[in-house]
Amino acid sequence: YGSATNVDNAGDLHASAQADGGFGYATGITSIGYGSGDNDAVVVNRGSIDAETDAAYAYAFGVLNLTRQRYGSASFTNDGDIHATATGDLATATGVLNLALRYGDATMTNTGTVEAVANGTTGGSATGLYTYANVYDATVNNSGTVSAIATGDIALATGIDASSALYGATTVRNNGDVTAHAYAGSGFANAA
């Protein structure tokens, strides 16, 4: 956390959170660039990351990479294994969040494996890869394996989600395997 962040993981990371009847948050890697300057938030993973949460309101993130620097960009590269699992009444699991929230690009490259599993009772939402640029370009290059699985009365599963809000382009290049499965009980299921 600071004006510039640079994380390079080649090891094994495991984050686990449990809350009986409350909120639970587990994140394998958190990288936040905040403040002024043109520095980037960069995460490179060549290792294994597991984030697991069991709570009434469960949130699991394999990687959170975010920059709020004025001209900073967010860059994420994965050649390892990332698994995020959330179990609860309302469960949200995201493999990777890559966010450039000011005047930078958000770039993501995956050649490894990313899995997000949301086991919800009332609702489950799972996203494999998510990249967002507020002003400039949002780009995802995937030649790996991405999986999103959601269960619940309302179930939402998205393999890859990329967007640019203002002036930039949104580009997704996929040469890999992307799956999204949503299993709903009495409500609504959507997979994309």
Protein backbone atom coordinates (compact mmCIF):
# COMPACT_ATOMS: atom_id res chain seq x y z
CA TYR A 1 0.00 0.00 0.00
CA GLY A 2 1.46 3.32 -1.01
CA SER A 3 2.36 5.59 -3.91
CA ALA A 4 3.63 2.65 -5.96
CA THR A 5 3.12 -1.06 -5.47
CA ASN A 6 4.99 -3.95 -7.00
CA VAL A 7 4.18 -7.51 -5.89
CA ASP A 8 5.92 -10.60 -7.31
CA ASN A 9 4.75 -13.93 -5.87
CA ALA A 10 6.34 -17.28 -6.64
CA GLY A 11 5.30 -18.99 -3.42
CA ASP A 12 2.16 -20.40 -1.83
CA LEU A 13 -0.35 -17.99 -0.27
CA HIS A 14 -3.42 -19.04 1.69
CA ALA A 15 -5.95 -16.63 3.20
CA SER A 16 -8.93 -17.91 5.18
CA ALA A 17 -11.72 -16.04 6.98
CA GLN A 18 -14.66 -17.35 8.98
CA ALA A 19 -17.45 -15.44 10.70
CA ASP A 20 -20.48 -17.01 12.33
CA GLY A 21 -23.45 -14.92 11.24
CA GLY A 22 -21.39 -11.91 10.11
CA PHE A 23 -19.08 -10.67 7.37
CA GLY A 24 -15.98 -12.50 6.18
CA TYR A 25 -13.29 -11.22 3.79
CA ALA A 26 -10.30 -13.17 2.47
CA THR A 27 -7.80 -11.84 -0.08
CA GLY A 28 -4.66 -13.64 -1.25
CA ILE A 29 -2.81 -10.52 -2.47
CA THR A 30 -3.87 -6.92 -1.85
CA SER A 31 -1.95 -4.28 -3.83
CA ILE A 32 -3.16 -0.67 -3.55
CA GLY A 33 -1.39 2.31 -5.06
CA TYR A 34 -2.83 5.49 -3.61
CA GLY A 35 -1.88 9.15 -3.72
CA SER A 36 -0.38 11.38 -6.39
CA GLY A 37 2.14 10.49 -9.06
CA ASP A 38 2.32 8.40 -12.18
CA ASN A 39 3.43 5.14 -10.61
CA ASP A 40 1.79 1.83 -11.42
CA ALA A 41 0.30 -0.95 -9.33
CA VAL A 42 1.87 -4.17 -10.60
CA VAL A 43 1.17 -7.75 -9.51
CA VAL A 44 2.93 -10.80 -10.96
CA ASN A 45 1.92 -14.26 -9.74
CA ARG A 46 3.85 -17.43 -10.59
CA GLY A 47 2.82 -19.26 -7.44
CA SER A 48 -0.32 -20.62 -5.83
CA ILE A 49 -2.97 -18.44 -4.19
CA ASP A 50 -6.01 -19.69 -2.24
CA ALA A 51 -8.55 -17.35 -0.64
CA GLU A 52 -11.45 -18.92 1.26
CA THR A 53 -14.29 -17.36 3.23
CA ASP A 54 -17.13 -18.96 5.18
CA ALA A 55 -19.58 -16.40 6.61
CA ALA A 56 -23.15 -15.21 6.31
CA TYR A 57 -21.83 -12.46 4.02
CA ALA A 58 -18.78 -14.04 2.41
CA TYR A 59 -16.26 -12.29 0.14
CA ALA A 60 -13.20 -14.02 -1.34
CA PHE A 61 -10.68 -12.43 -3.70
CA GLY A 62 -7.61 -14.18 -5.07
CA VAL A 63 -5.92 -10.89 -6.01
CA LEU A 64 -6.99 -7.26 -5.57
CA ASN A 65 -4.75 -4.90 -7.57
CA LEU A 66 -5.87 -1.27 -7.52
CA THR A 67 -4.33 2.09 -8.31
CA ARG A 68 -5.73 5.54 -7.58
CA GLN A 69 -2.58 7.40 -8.64
CA ARG A 70 -3.40 10.28 -10.95
CA TYR A 71 -1.61 8.78 -13.97
CA GLY A 72 -1.11 5.28 -12.64
CA SER A 73 -1.96 2.06 -14.44
CA ALA A 74 -2.88 -1.34 -13.03
CA SER A 75 -1.03 -4.34 -14.44
CA PHE A 76 -1.61 -7.99 -13.54
CA THR A 77 0.18 -11.09 -14.89
CA ASN A 78 -0.55 -14.67 -13.85
CA ASP A 79 1.24 -17.88 -14.76
CA GLY A 80 0.28 -19.65 -11.55
CA ASP A 81 -2.87 -20.97 -9.85
CA ILE A 82 -5.46 -18.73 -8.19
CA HIS A 83 -8.54 -20.01 -6.38
CA ALA A 84 -11.17 -17.92 -4.58
CA THR A 85 -14.04 -19.64 -2.74
CA ALA A 86 -16.84 -17.93 -0.81
CA THR A 87 -19.52 -19.84 1.10
CA GLY A 88 -22.45 -18.19 2.88
CA ASP A 89 -25.97 -16.86 2.64
CA LEU A 90 -24.68 -14.19 0.25
CA ALA A 91 -21.39 -15.24 -1.35
CA THR A 92 -19.12 -13.28 -3.69
CA ALA A 93 -15.93 -14.78 -5.16
CA THR A 94 -13.57 -13.10 -7.62
CA GLY A 95 -10.36 -14.63 -8.91
CA VAL A 96 -8.67 -11.33 -9.84
CA LEU A 97 -9.78 -7.67 -9.56
CA ASN A 98 -7.53 -5.31 -11.56
CA LEU A 99 -8.60 -1.64 -11.31
CA ALA A 100 -7.19 1.64 -12.67
CA LEU A 101 -9.44 4.22 -11.08
CA ARG A 102 -7.97 7.45 -12.48
CA TYR A 103 -5.95 8.30 -15.65
CA GLY A 104 -4.30 4.98 -16.43
CA ASP A 105 -4.75 1.69 -18.23
CA ALA A 106 -5.83 -1.62 -16.72
CA THR A 107 -3.98 -4.55 -18.30
CA MET A 108 -4.34 -8.23 -17.43
CA THR A 109 -2.51 -11.27 -18.84
CA ASN A 110 -3.38 -14.81 -17.74
CA THR A 111 -1.55 -17.94 -18.85
CA GLY A 112 -2.28 -19.88 -15.67
CA THR A 113 -5.42 -21.08 -13.90
CA VAL A 114 -7.98 -18.84 -12.19
CA GLU A 115 -11.07 -20.21 -10.45
CA ALA A 116 -13.83 -18.40 -8.56
CA VAL A 117 -16.52 -20.36 -6.69
CA ALA A 118 -19.44 -18.69 -4.87
CA ASN A 119 -21.59 -21.10 -2.85
CA GLY A 120 -24.53 -18.97 -1.75
CA THR A 121 -27.86 -19.85 -0.22
CA THR A 122 -29.80 -16.70 -1.07
CA GLY A 123 -27.30 -15.43 -3.63
CA GLY A 124 -23.97 -16.33 -5.19
CA SER A 125 -21.83 -14.22 -7.55
CA ALA A 126 -18.59 -15.52 -9.10
CA THR A 127 -16.23 -13.73 -11.50
CA GLY A 128 -13.00 -15.20 -12.82
CA LEU A 129 -11.16 -12.14 -14.19
CA TYR A 130 -12.32 -8.54 -13.80
CA THR A 131 -10.42 -5.54 -15.17
CA TYR A 132 -11.63 -1.94 -15.23
CA ALA A 133 -10.13 1.36 -16.40
CA ASN A 134 -11.97 4.51 -15.43
CA VAL A 135 -10.52 6.73 -18.17
CA TYR A 136 -8.23 4.85 -20.56
CA ASP A 137 -7.85 1.29 -21.90
CA ALA A 138 -8.97 -1.97 -20.30
CA THR A 139 -7.29 -5.05 -21.80
CA VAL A 140 -7.43 -8.76 -21.01
CA ASN A 141 -5.21 -11.35 -22.71
CA ASN A 142 -6.10 -14.91 -21.71
CA SER A 143 -4.45 -18.09 -22.92
CA GLY A 144 -4.97 -19.93 -19.65
CA THR A 145 -7.95 -21.46 -17.87
CA VAL A 146 -10.65 -19.34 -16.23
CA SER A 147 -13.63 -20.74 -14.35
CA ALA A 148 -16.53 -19.08 -12.51
CA ILE A 149 -19.13 -21.16 -10.66
CA ALA A 150 -22.05 -19.67 -8.69
CA THR A 151 -24.90 -21.28 -6.74
CA GLY A 152 -27.82 -19.80 -4.83
CA ASP A 153 -31.45 -18.80 -5.24
CA ILE A 154 -29.94 -16.05 -7.40
CA ALA A 155 -26.73 -17.15 -9.13
CA LEU A 156 -24.47 -15.00 -11.34
CA ALA A 157 -21.30 -16.36 -12.98
CA THR A 158 -18.96 -14.41 -15.28
CA GLY A 159 -15.76 -15.81 -16.75
CA ILE A 160 -14.13 -12.57 -17.94
CA ASP A 161 -15.44 -9.03 -17.39
CA ALA A 162 -13.58 -6.02 -18.84
CA SER A 163 -14.72 -2.43 -19.18
CA SER A 164 -13.50 1.12 -19.74
CA ALA A 165 -15.77 3.92 -18.60
CA LEU A 166 -14.74 7.11 -20.41
CA TYR A 167 -12.28 7.49 -23.32
CA GLY A 168 -10.49 4.19 -23.57
CA ALA A 169 -10.99 0.98 -25.51
CA THR A 170 -12.02 -2.35 -24.03
CA THR A 171 -10.24 -5.37 -25.50
CA VAL A 172 -10.48 -9.07 -24.62
CA ARG A 173 -8.26 -11.58 -26.43
CA ASN A 174 -8.96 -15.21 -25.54
CA ASN A 175 -7.02 -18.24 -26.74
CA GLY A 176 -7.66 -20.24 -23.57
CA ASP A 177 -10.53 -22.00 -21.84
CA VAL A 178 -13.20 -19.90 -20.12
CA THR A 179 -16.23 -21.43 -18.37
CA ALA A 180 -19.06 -19.86 -16.41
CA HIS A 181 -21.73 -21.94 -14.63
CA ALA A 182 -24.65 -20.52 -12.63
CA TYR A 183 -26.93 -22.89 -10.71
CA ALA A 184 -30.04 -21.28 -9.22
CA GLY A 185 -32.58 -22.74 -6.87
CA SER A 186 -35.96 -21.03 -6.89
CA GLY A 187 -34.75 -17.74 -8.37
CA PHE A 188 -32.61 -16.60 -11.31
CA ALA A 189 -29.41 -17.84 -12.93
CA ASN A 190 -27.15 -15.98 -15.37
CA ALA A 191 -23.83 -17.12 -16.84
CA ALA A 192 -21.66 -15.07 -19.18
